[in-house]
């Protein structure tokens, strides 16, 4: 496994992938504050460097940013 078992990770989000800057087990959803295990992370915004727990949270993030 490539991810550490505990703690908050620091990532850099790219257009189609992310780079782990500081190891950890999860990141926080920018909309809900929920913990997202790194192996379950599928949604993020590379412009705002935000992670989202699911498609609904990603849509809400775009709405809050005035993109949608």
N, C-alpha and C. Protein backbone atom coordinates (compact mmCIF):
# COMPACT_ATOMS: atom_id res chain seq x y z
N UNK A 1 0.85 -1.18 0.00
CA UNK A 1 0.00 0.00 0.00
C UNK A 1 0.89 1.24 0.00
N UNK A 2 0.51 2.24 -0.77
CA UNK A 2 1.31 3.44 -0.93
C UNK A 2 0.96 4.54 0.07
N UNK A 3 -0.14 4.37 0.80
CA UNK A 3 -0.61 5.41 1.69
C UNK A 3 -0.33 5.04 3.13
N UNK A 4 -0.03 6.05 3.95
CA UNK A 4 0.15 5.80 5.37
C UNK A 4 -1.20 5.47 6.00
N UNK A 5 -1.17 4.85 7.15
CA UNK A 5 -2.40 4.37 7.76
C UNK A 5 -3.14 5.39 8.59
N UNK A 6 -2.54 6.53 8.89
CA UNK A 6 -3.25 7.50 9.72
C UNK A 6 -2.80 8.92 9.39
N UNK A 7 -3.65 9.88 9.76
CA UNK A 7 -3.32 11.28 9.64
C UNK A 7 -3.77 11.93 8.35
N UNK A 8 -3.68 13.23 8.35
CA UNK A 8 -4.08 14.06 7.22
C UNK A 8 -2.93 14.15 6.22
N UNK A 9 -3.22 13.85 4.97
CA UNK A 9 -2.22 13.93 3.90
C UNK A 9 -2.27 15.32 3.27
N UNK A 10 -1.16 15.75 2.70
CA UNK A 10 -1.12 16.99 1.94
C UNK A 10 -0.83 16.60 0.49
N UNK A 11 -1.72 17.03 -0.42
CA UNK A 11 -1.61 16.65 -1.82
C UNK A 11 -1.52 17.86 -2.72
N UNK A 12 -0.98 17.65 -3.90
CA UNK A 12 -1.08 18.64 -4.98
C UNK A 12 -1.94 17.98 -6.05
N UNK A 13 -3.06 18.63 -6.39
CA UNK A 13 -4.01 18.07 -7.34
C UNK A 13 -3.69 18.54 -8.75
N UNK A 14 -3.52 17.58 -9.65
CA UNK A 14 -3.32 17.89 -11.06
C UNK A 14 -4.61 17.65 -11.82
N UNK A 15 -4.57 17.84 -13.13
CA UNK A 15 -5.77 17.70 -13.96
C UNK A 15 -6.32 16.27 -13.94
N UNK A 16 -5.45 15.27 -13.88
CA UNK A 16 -5.93 13.88 -13.92
C UNK A 16 -5.36 12.99 -12.83
N UNK A 17 -4.53 13.55 -11.96
CA UNK A 17 -3.96 12.77 -10.86
C UNK A 17 -3.54 13.70 -9.74
N UNK A 18 -3.04 13.14 -8.67
CA UNK A 18 -2.53 13.96 -7.58
C UNK A 18 -1.17 13.45 -7.14
N UNK A 19 -0.41 14.35 -6.51
CA UNK A 19 0.91 14.02 -5.99
C UNK A 19 0.86 14.15 -4.48
N UNK A 20 1.37 13.17 -3.78
CA UNK A 20 1.40 13.21 -2.32
C UNK A 20 2.62 14.02 -1.89
N UNK A 21 2.36 15.15 -1.24
CA UNK A 21 3.44 16.01 -0.74
C UNK A 21 3.84 15.62 0.67
N UNK A 22 2.86 15.26 1.49
CA UNK A 22 3.10 14.77 2.85
C UNK A 22 2.18 13.58 3.07
N UNK A 23 2.75 12.47 3.49
CA UNK A 23 1.99 11.25 3.66
C UNK A 23 0.90 11.34 4.70
N UNK A 24 -0.11 10.55 4.54
CA UNK A 24 -1.24 10.47 5.45
C UNK A 24 -2.26 9.50 4.90
N UNK A 25 -3.33 9.30 5.63
CA UNK A 25 -4.36 8.35 5.24
C UNK A 25 -5.53 8.98 4.53
N UNK A 26 -5.73 10.29 4.73
CA UNK A 26 -6.92 10.92 4.18
C UNK A 26 -6.69 12.40 3.91
N UNK A 27 -7.65 12.99 3.17
CA UNK A 27 -7.75 14.44 3.00
C UNK A 27 -9.16 14.82 3.44
N UNK A 28 -9.44 16.11 3.54
CA UNK A 28 -10.75 16.56 3.95
C UNK A 28 -11.53 17.12 2.77
N UNK A 29 -12.81 16.81 2.71
CA UNK A 29 -13.67 17.35 1.68
C UNK A 29 -13.84 18.84 1.90
N UNK A 30 -13.64 19.63 0.85
CA UNK A 30 -13.72 21.09 0.94
C UNK A 30 -15.14 21.57 1.22
N UNK A 31 -16.14 20.75 0.91
CA UNK A 31 -17.53 21.15 1.10
C UNK A 31 -18.10 20.65 2.42
N UNK A 32 -17.89 19.37 2.71
CA UNK A 32 -18.51 18.75 3.89
C UNK A 32 -17.59 18.64 5.09
N UNK A 33 -16.28 18.67 4.85
CA UNK A 33 -15.33 18.46 5.94
C UNK A 33 -15.10 17.00 6.27
N UNK A 34 -15.77 16.09 5.54
CA UNK A 34 -15.60 14.66 5.77
C UNK A 34 -14.20 14.20 5.42
N UNK A 35 -13.73 13.19 6.13
CA UNK A 35 -12.46 12.56 5.80
C UNK A 35 -12.65 11.69 4.56
N UNK A 36 -11.72 11.81 3.61
CA UNK A 36 -11.76 11.00 2.39
C UNK A 36 -10.48 10.16 2.37
N UNK A 37 -10.59 8.84 2.55
CA UNK A 37 -9.39 8.00 2.45
C UNK A 37 -8.75 8.18 1.06
N UNK A 38 -7.43 8.26 1.01
CA UNK A 38 -6.76 8.51 -0.26
C UNK A 38 -7.12 7.48 -1.32
N UNK A 39 -7.29 6.23 -0.94
CA UNK A 39 -7.62 5.21 -1.93
C UNK A 39 -9.04 5.37 -2.48
N UNK A 40 -9.87 6.22 -1.86
CA UNK A 40 -11.22 6.48 -2.34
C UNK A 40 -11.36 7.84 -3.01
N UNK A 41 -10.30 8.63 -3.05
CA UNK A 41 -10.36 9.97 -3.62
C UNK A 41 -10.51 9.92 -5.13
N UNK A 42 -11.63 10.44 -5.64
CA UNK A 42 -11.92 10.44 -7.07
C UNK A 42 -12.26 11.82 -7.62
N UNK A 43 -12.61 12.76 -6.75
CA UNK A 43 -13.07 14.08 -7.18
C UNK A 43 -12.25 15.18 -6.55
N UNK A 44 -11.73 16.09 -7.38
CA UNK A 44 -11.00 17.25 -6.88
C UNK A 44 -11.00 18.33 -7.93
N UNK A 45 -10.60 19.53 -7.53
CA UNK A 45 -10.47 20.65 -8.46
C UNK A 45 -9.02 21.10 -8.43
N UNK A 46 -8.35 20.99 -9.56
CA UNK A 46 -6.93 21.33 -9.58
C UNK A 46 -6.69 22.84 -9.55
N UNK A 47 -7.64 23.64 -10.05
CA UNK A 47 -7.48 25.10 -9.99
C UNK A 47 -7.55 25.61 -8.55
N UNK A 48 -8.51 25.10 -7.78
CA UNK A 48 -8.68 25.56 -6.40
C UNK A 48 -7.98 24.66 -5.39
N UNK A 49 -7.38 23.55 -5.86
CA UNK A 49 -6.68 22.61 -4.99
C UNK A 49 -7.59 22.15 -3.85
N UNK A 50 -8.78 21.67 -4.24
CA UNK A 50 -9.77 21.18 -3.28
C UNK A 50 -10.15 19.74 -3.60
N UNK A 51 -10.40 18.95 -2.56
CA UNK A 51 -10.87 17.58 -2.70
C UNK A 51 -12.36 17.54 -2.35
N UNK A 52 -13.08 16.58 -2.96
CA UNK A 52 -14.51 16.41 -2.71
C UNK A 52 -14.81 14.94 -2.48
N UNK A 53 -15.73 14.66 -1.57
CA UNK A 53 -16.03 13.26 -1.22
C UNK A 53 -16.77 12.51 -2.31
N UNK A 54 -17.59 13.26 -3.11
CA UNK A 54 -18.35 12.61 -4.18
C UNK A 54 -18.75 13.65 -5.23
N UNK A 55 -19.46 13.21 -6.25
CA UNK A 55 -19.85 14.11 -7.34
C UNK A 55 -20.76 15.23 -6.86
N UNK A 56 -21.65 14.94 -5.92
CA UNK A 56 -22.54 15.96 -5.37
C UNK A 56 -21.78 17.06 -4.66
N UNK A 57 -20.79 16.67 -3.88
CA UNK A 57 -19.96 17.67 -3.18
C UNK A 57 -19.13 18.47 -4.18
N UNK A 58 -18.65 17.82 -5.24
CA UNK A 58 -17.90 18.53 -6.27
C UNK A 58 -18.78 19.58 -6.95
N UNK A 59 -20.01 19.21 -7.27
CA UNK A 59 -20.94 20.16 -7.88
C UNK A 59 -21.19 21.34 -6.95
N UNK A 60 -21.38 21.07 -5.67
CA UNK A 60 -21.58 22.16 -4.70
C UNK A 60 -20.34 23.06 -4.63
N UNK A 61 -19.16 22.47 -4.71
CA UNK A 61 -17.93 23.27 -4.73
C UNK A 61 -17.86 24.19 -5.93
N UNK A 62 -18.26 23.67 -7.09
CA UNK A 62 -18.29 24.49 -8.30
C UNK A 62 -19.33 25.61 -8.17
N UNK A 63 -20.49 25.30 -7.59
CA UNK A 63 -21.52 26.32 -7.38
C UNK A 63 -21.02 27.43 -6.46
N UNK A 64 -20.37 27.04 -5.37
CA UNK A 64 -19.85 28.03 -4.42
C UNK A 64 -18.80 28.93 -5.06
N UNK A 65 -18.06 28.38 -6.01
CA UNK A 65 -17.02 29.15 -6.70
C UNK A 65 -17.59 29.99 -7.84
N UNK A 66 -18.90 29.83 -8.11
CA UNK A 66 -19.53 30.59 -9.18
C UNK A 66 -19.26 30.06 -10.57
N UNK A 67 -18.81 28.83 -10.66
CA UNK A 67 -18.50 28.24 -11.96
C UNK A 67 -19.76 27.67 -12.62
N UNK A 68 -20.69 27.20 -11.80
CA UNK A 68 -21.94 26.61 -12.32
C UNK A 68 -23.09 27.49 -11.93
